């Protein structure tokens, strides 16, 4: 029998499969050598002792991910731009939950700031096990002709290039068993006629996730993504008109469940991908999107 001590990072390497055959279908588990592992650590311990760096962590999906990570035993460093009240509120709640939280304020388009985020995370926690690239901006434009060079550069610098900076800064500190999780969007798969540049960045993130997963597989570092559908976060009232907000997520043609999702309905996907529960997953994207069927 396997004891709790068997469930440690790297447990999958402890087993090889000696020659064996059963003359029946579908087979019997009790005669297998070794026995299949059928149980994971109890909830509340999935990220025990780990440290995570979460961008866009002051509010929305990032805040929900931070809360769930802390409840599972992780310490978190949260990067935000200038939303000071939201960030302080998030930190206060994390401390109420008994967790440790480091706030990092600045612009992730700056490579120097990105490096300082990783450096301060290492100084504070002494390790970096999970990187969650979650921040993004979007600006509605009814035509591609209305997307200025300034907007195009801003959106790609913030939504994609900064992901590269973060990965490059964090990777030297990440060990075997670490996890990188990138936030994409349903728009990467469906497109959005009013968010052409934003959708393009989210498609780039999917390609980044798949390519990086192949690159880091031999190092034992997993890379996955989450592509949420319409989620009620501060990005929504900051992007849409007051009238458009009233119907957000309610168009049946876009969302079969006929409603927007909440951040806490997305954050469990990140816990799963960050934990050993997803030890056999890399290069994949999860789709908490209210039932929208996507092609990959």
Protein backbone atom coordinates (compact mmCIF):
# COMPACT_ATOMS: atom_id res chain seq x y z
CA UNK A 1 0.00 0.00 0.00
CA UNK A 2 1.09 3.60 -0.63
CA UNK A 3 1.34 5.97 2.30
CA UNK A 4 1.02 9.76 2.41
CA UNK A 5 4.80 9.99 2.19
CA UNK A 6 4.63 8.60 -1.33
CA UNK A 7 2.90 11.75 -2.58
CA UNK A 8 5.86 14.03 -3.07
CA UNK A 9 7.15 15.95 -6.08
CA UNK A 10 8.82 13.50 -8.41
CA UNK A 11 6.81 10.52 -7.15
CA UNK A 12 6.12 9.46 -10.74
CA UNK A 13 9.82 8.76 -11.27
CA UNK A 14 9.84 6.13 -8.53
CA UNK A 15 8.05 3.59 -10.69
CA UNK A 16 9.00 1.47 -13.64
CA UNK A 17 6.87 -1.25 -15.17
CA UNK A 18 8.41 -4.73 -15.14
CA UNK A 19 7.20 -7.28 -17.72
CA UNK A 20 3.72 -8.57 -16.89
CA UNK A 21 0.62 -9.76 -18.69
CA UNK A 22 -2.93 -10.68 -17.74
CA UNK A 23 -4.95 -13.20 -19.74
CA UNK A 24 -8.24 -11.34 -19.32
CA UNK A 25 -10.00 -8.09 -20.18
CA UNK A 26 -10.24 -5.47 -18.82
CA UNK A 27 -7.68 -6.70 -16.30
CA UNK A 28 -7.28 -6.75 -12.52
CA UNK A 29 -5.63 -3.95 -10.62
CA UNK A 30 -4.78 -5.89 -7.46
CA UNK A 31 -2.25 -8.09 -9.28
CA UNK A 32 -0.45 -5.20 -11.01
CA UNK A 33 3.14 -4.37 -10.11
CA UNK A 34 3.43 -1.57 -9.27
CA UNK A 35 -0.13 -0.71 -8.35
CA UNK A 36 -1.58 2.38 -10.10
CA UNK A 37 -1.62 5.53 -7.98
CA UNK A 38 -5.26 6.42 -7.42
CA UNK A 39 -5.13 9.09 -4.72
CA UNK A 40 -3.75 12.62 -4.53
CA UNK A 41 -3.04 14.85 -1.51
CA UNK A 42 -6.07 16.17 0.33
CA UNK A 43 -7.44 19.59 -0.58
CA UNK A 44 -5.67 22.35 1.29
CA UNK A 45 -2.23 20.93 0.66
CA UNK A 46 -1.89 20.92 -3.12
CA UNK A 47 0.54 23.87 -3.15
CA UNK A 48 1.97 23.58 0.34
CA UNK A 49 5.33 25.31 0.70
CA UNK A 50 5.31 26.70 -2.84
CA UNK A 51 5.74 30.31 -3.96
CA UNK A 52 3.87 31.83 -6.88
CA UNK A 53 4.28 35.04 -8.85
CA UNK A 54 0.93 36.20 -10.25
CA UNK A 55 0.58 39.16 -12.58
CA UNK A 56 -2.64 41.15 -12.60
CA UNK A 57 -3.04 39.81 -9.09
CA UNK A 58 -4.78 42.80 -7.55
CA UNK A 59 -8.26 41.99 -8.87
CA UNK A 60 -10.37 39.82 -11.15
CA UNK A 61 -9.03 36.42 -12.12
CA UNK A 62 -5.61 37.15 -10.63
CA UNK A 63 -7.13 37.92 -7.23
CA UNK A 64 -9.23 34.74 -7.29
CA UNK A 65 -6.17 32.68 -8.25
CA UNK A 66 -4.20 34.24 -5.39
CA UNK A 67 -6.92 33.39 -2.87
CA UNK A 68 -7.13 29.78 -4.06
CA UNK A 69 -3.36 29.38 -4.11
CA UNK A 70 -3.08 30.65 -0.53
CA UNK A 71 -5.86 28.32 0.60
CA UNK A 72 -3.82 25.47 -0.88
CA UNK A 73 -0.71 26.46 1.09
CA UNK A 74 1.22 28.75 -1.29
CA UNK A 75 2.79 32.14 -0.68
CA UNK A 76 2.09 34.70 -3.40
CA UNK A 77 3.74 37.72 -4.98
CA UNK A 78 1.18 39.85 -6.79
CA UNK A 79 2.12 42.25 -9.58
CA UNK A 80 -0.19 45.14 -10.43
CA UNK A 81 0.02 48.39 -12.36
CA UNK A 82 -1.40 51.18 -10.18
CA UNK A 83 -4.66 49.81 -8.69
CA UNK A 84 -3.51 50.46 -5.13
CA UNK A 85 -6.84 50.09 -3.31
CA UNK A 86 -7.62 46.79 -5.03
CA UNK A 87 -4.12 45.48 -4.32
CA UNK A 88 -4.24 46.39 -0.64
CA UNK A 89 -7.69 44.81 -0.32
CA UNK A 90 -6.38 41.60 -1.86
CA UNK A 91 -3.36 41.54 0.43
CA UNK A 92 -5.53 42.11 3.49
CA UNK A 93 -7.76 39.17 2.59
CA UNK A 94 -4.77 36.92 1.96
CA UNK A 95 -3.41 37.77 5.40
CA UNK A 96 -6.83 37.05 6.91
CA UNK A 97 -6.55 33.61 5.32
CA UNK A 98 -3.20 33.15 7.04
CA UNK A 99 -1.17 33.52 3.85
CA UNK A 100 1.89 35.53 2.89
CA UNK A 101 1.59 38.20 0.21
CA UNK A 102 4.15 40.44 -1.47
CA UNK A 103 2.81 43.35 -3.53
CA UNK A 104 4.79 44.56 -6.55
CA UNK A 105 3.64 47.74 -8.27
CA UNK A 106 4.83 48.78 -11.72
CA UNK A 107 4.71 48.47 -15.48
CA UNK A 108 5.47 45.02 -16.86
CA UNK A 109 6.43 46.47 -20.22
CA UNK A 110 9.69 47.41 -18.48
CA UNK A 111 12.19 44.58 -18.51
CA UNK A 112 13.98 46.08 -15.50
CA UNK A 113 10.76 46.10 -13.48
CA UNK A 114 10.06 42.51 -14.47
CA UNK A 115 13.50 41.46 -13.25
CA UNK A 116 12.95 43.30 -9.98
CA UNK A 117 9.67 41.42 -9.47
CA UNK A 118 11.43 38.09 -9.74
CA UNK A 119 14.35 39.25 -7.61
CA UNK A 120 12.07 40.50 -4.84
CA UNK A 121 10.01 37.32 -4.94
CA UNK A 122 13.18 35.27 -4.46
CA UNK A 123 14.33 37.55 -1.64
CA UNK A 124 10.96 37.27 0.11
CA UNK A 125 10.22 33.56 -0.34
CA UNK A 126 13.53 32.01 -1.37
CA UNK A 127 11.94 30.10 -4.24
CA UNK A 128 9.67 30.42 -7.28
CA UNK A 129 7.54 27.42 -8.15
CA UNK A 130 4.65 28.86 -10.15
CA UNK A 131 4.55 31.74 -12.61
CA UNK A 132 1.08 32.95 -13.62
CA UNK A 133 1.15 35.38 -16.55
CA UNK A 134 -2.32 36.85 -16.27
CA UNK A 135 -2.29 40.61 -16.95
CA UNK A 136 -3.84 42.13 -20.08
CA UNK A 137 -5.40 45.24 -21.60
CA UNK A 138 -7.96 45.59 -24.37
CA UNK A 139 -9.36 48.54 -26.33
CA UNK A 140 -12.46 48.25 -28.48
CA UNK A 141 -12.10 49.40 -32.06
CA UNK A 142 -14.85 48.83 -34.62
CA UNK A 143 -12.36 48.53 -37.48
CA UNK A 144 -8.76 47.43 -37.85
CA UNK A 145 -8.23 50.78 -39.56
CA UNK A 146 -8.91 52.47 -36.23
CA UNK A 147 -6.10 50.65 -34.42
CA UNK A 148 -3.29 53.17 -34.19
CA UNK A 149 0.38 52.17 -34.21
CA UNK A 150 0.55 53.37 -30.62
CA UNK A 151 -2.31 51.15 -29.51
CA UNK A 152 -0.99 48.15 -31.43
CA UNK A 153 2.44 48.49 -29.87
CA UNK A 154 1.01 49.04 -26.39
CA UNK A 155 -1.27 46.00 -26.52
CA UNK A 156 1.41 43.63 -27.81
CA UNK A 157 4.08 44.98 -25.44
CA UNK A 158 1.76 44.55 -22.45
CA UNK A 159 -0.05 41.34 -23.41
CA UNK A 160 2.72 39.32 -25.07
CA UNK A 161 6.23 40.76 -24.89
CA UNK A 162 6.01 41.13 -21.12
CA UNK A 163 5.15 37.42 -20.88
CA UNK A 164 8.49 36.70 -22.54
CA UNK A 165 10.27 39.03 -20.11
CA UNK A 166 8.66 37.31 -17.12
CA UNK A 167 9.47 33.81 -18.33
CA UNK A 168 13.06 34.77 -19.10
CA UNK A 169 13.52 36.33 -15.66
CA UNK A 170 11.78 33.56 -13.72
CA UNK A 171 13.09 30.46 -15.50
CA UNK A 172 16.60 30.45 -13.99
CA UNK A 173 14.98 30.14 -10.56
CA UNK A 174 12.45 27.45 -11.42
CA UNK A 175 13.28 23.84 -10.68
CA UNK A 176 11.97 20.54 -11.89
CA UNK A 177 8.29 20.27 -10.99
CA UNK A 178 7.64 24.00 -11.44
CA UNK A 179 4.73 25.29 -13.49
CA UNK A 180 4.11 28.22 -15.84
CA UNK A 181 0.48 29.16 -16.55
CA UNK A 182 -0.45 31.69 -19.22
CA UNK A 183 -3.85 33.36 -19.46
CA UNK A 184 -5.22 33.33 -23.00
CA UNK A 185 -8.87 33.89 -23.96
CA UNK A 186 -11.77 32.38 -25.85
CA UNK A 187 -11.10 35.17 -28.37
CA UNK A 188 -7.93 33.33 -29.41
CA UNK A 189 -10.17 30.59 -30.80
CA UNK A 190 -13.34 32.44 -31.81
CA UNK A 191 -11.93 35.85 -32.63
CA UNK A 192 -13.71 39.10 -31.81
CA UNK A 193 -14.50 41.67 -34.48
CA UNK A 194 -14.10 44.60 -32.06
CA UNK A 195 -10.98 43.28 -30.30
CA UNK A 196 -8.75 42.32 -33.21
CA UNK A 197 -5.39 43.24 -31.66
CA UNK A 198 -6.34 41.80 -28.26
CA UNK A 199 -7.50 38.55 -29.86
CA UNK A 200 -4.24 38.35 -31.81
CA UNK A 201 -2.23 38.65 -28.59
CA UNK A 202 -4.25 35.87 -27.01
CA UNK A 203 -3.59 33.64 -30.01
CA UNK A 204 0.10 34.38 -29.64
CA UNK A 205 -0.10 33.30 -26.02
CA UNK A 206 -1.52 29.92 -27.05
CA UNK A 207 1.38 29.41 -29.47
CA UNK A 208 3.85 30.54 -26.81
CA UNK A 209 2.38 28.07 -24.33
CA UNK A 210 2.61 25.13 -26.72
CA UNK A 211 6.11 25.95 -27.94
CA UNK A 212 7.51 26.63 -24.48
CA UNK A 213 6.00 23.39 -23.18
CA UNK A 214 7.98 21.46 -25.79
CA UNK A 215 11.11 23.43 -24.95
CA UNK A 216 10.93 22.82 -21.19
CA UNK A 217 9.61 19.25 -21.10
CA UNK A 218 13.08 17.77 -20.60
CA UNK A 219 13.62 20.11 -17.64
CA UNK A 220 10.47 18.87 -15.95
CA UNK A 221 8.80 22.29 -16.03
CA UNK A 222 5.21 22.23 -17.21
CA UNK A 223 3.66 25.04 -19.29
CA UNK A 224 -0.09 25.31 -19.72
CA UNK A 225 -2.76 27.92 -20.31
CA UNK A 226 -6.27 28.94 -19.39
CA UNK A 227 -8.59 30.54 -21.96
CA UNK A 228 -11.54 32.03 -20.09
CA UNK A 229 -14.77 33.09 -21.71
CA UNK A 230 -16.56 36.28 -20.60
CA UNK A 231 -15.67 36.80 -16.94
CA UNK A 232 -16.89 39.66 -14.73
CA UNK A 233 -13.67 41.53 -13.93
CA UNK A 234 -12.67 45.23 -13.86
CA UNK A 235 -11.53 44.87 -17.47
CA UNK A 236 -15.17 44.71 -18.57
CA UNK A 237 -16.55 48.07 -17.39
CA UNK A 238 -13.20 49.56 -18.40
CA UNK A 239 -13.69 48.28 -21.97
CA UNK A 240 -17.39 48.39 -22.78
CA UNK A 241 -20.11 51.03 -22.68
CA UNK A 242 -22.60 51.09 -19.83
CA UNK A 243 -25.27 49.65 -22.12
CA UNK A 244 -23.02 46.87 -23.39
CA UNK A 245 -22.17 45.88 -19.81
CA UNK A 246 -25.85 45.15 -19.11
CA UNK A 247 -25.83 42.33 -21.68
CA UNK A 248 -22.30 41.13 -21.05
CA UNK A 249 -22.06 37.34 -21.39
CA UNK A 250 -25.79 36.92 -22.00
CA UNK A 251 -25.80 36.38 -25.76
CA UNK A 252 -26.77 32.75 -26.36
CA UNK A 253 -24.86 32.70 -29.63
CA UNK A 254 -21.65 33.41 -27.71
CA UNK A 255 -22.23 31.68 -24.37
CA UNK A 256 -24.47 28.61 -24.20
CA UNK A 257 -24.89 29.05 -20.42
CA UNK A 258 -26.31 32.54 -21.11
CA UNK A 259 -24.28 34.33 -18.46
CA UNK A 260 -20.85 35.66 -17.67
CA UNK A 261 -18.62 33.74 -15.31
CA UNK A 262 -17.14 34.85 -12.01
CA UNK A 263 -13.37 34.86 -11.29
CA UNK A 264 -13.83 32.13 -8.67
CA UNK A 265 -15.23 29.87 -11.41
CA UNK A 266 -11.97 30.21 -13.34
CA UNK A 267 -9.36 30.10 -10.57
CA UNK A 268 -9.67 26.33 -9.84
CA UNK A 269 -8.23 25.73 -13.32
CA UNK A 270 -5.06 27.48 -12.23
CA UNK A 271 -4.85 25.49 -9.00
CA UNK A 272 -5.14 22.28 -10.99
CA UNK A 273 -2.44 23.28 -13.47
CA UNK A 274 -0.11 24.54 -10.74
CA UNK A 275 -0.39 21.40 -8.64
CA UNK A 276 0.81 17.85 -9.03
CA UNK A 277 -2.77 16.98 -10.00
CA UNK A 278 -1.72 18.13 -13.49
CA UNK A 279 1.61 16.31 -13.45
CA UNK A 280 0.85 14.68 -16.82
CA UNK A 281 -0.29 17.87 -18.53
CA UNK A 282 1.87 20.30 -20.45
CA UNK A 283 1.24 22.36 -23.57
CA UNK A 284 -2.50 22.30 -22.87
CA UNK A 285 -5.17 24.99 -22.52
CA UNK A 286 -8.23 24.73 -20.27
CA UNK A 287 -11.48 26.41 -21.33
CA UNK A 288 -13.74 27.72 -18.53
CA UNK A 289 -15.99 29.60 -20.93
CA UNK A 290 -19.63 28.82 -20.22
CA UNK A 291 -19.96 26.05 -22.78
CA UNK A 292 -18.47 27.58 -25.92
CA UNK A 293 -17.04 24.77 -28.05
CA UNK A 294 -13.60 25.58 -29.40
CA UNK A 295 -11.43 23.63 -31.78
CA UNK A 296 -8.44 22.99 -29.54
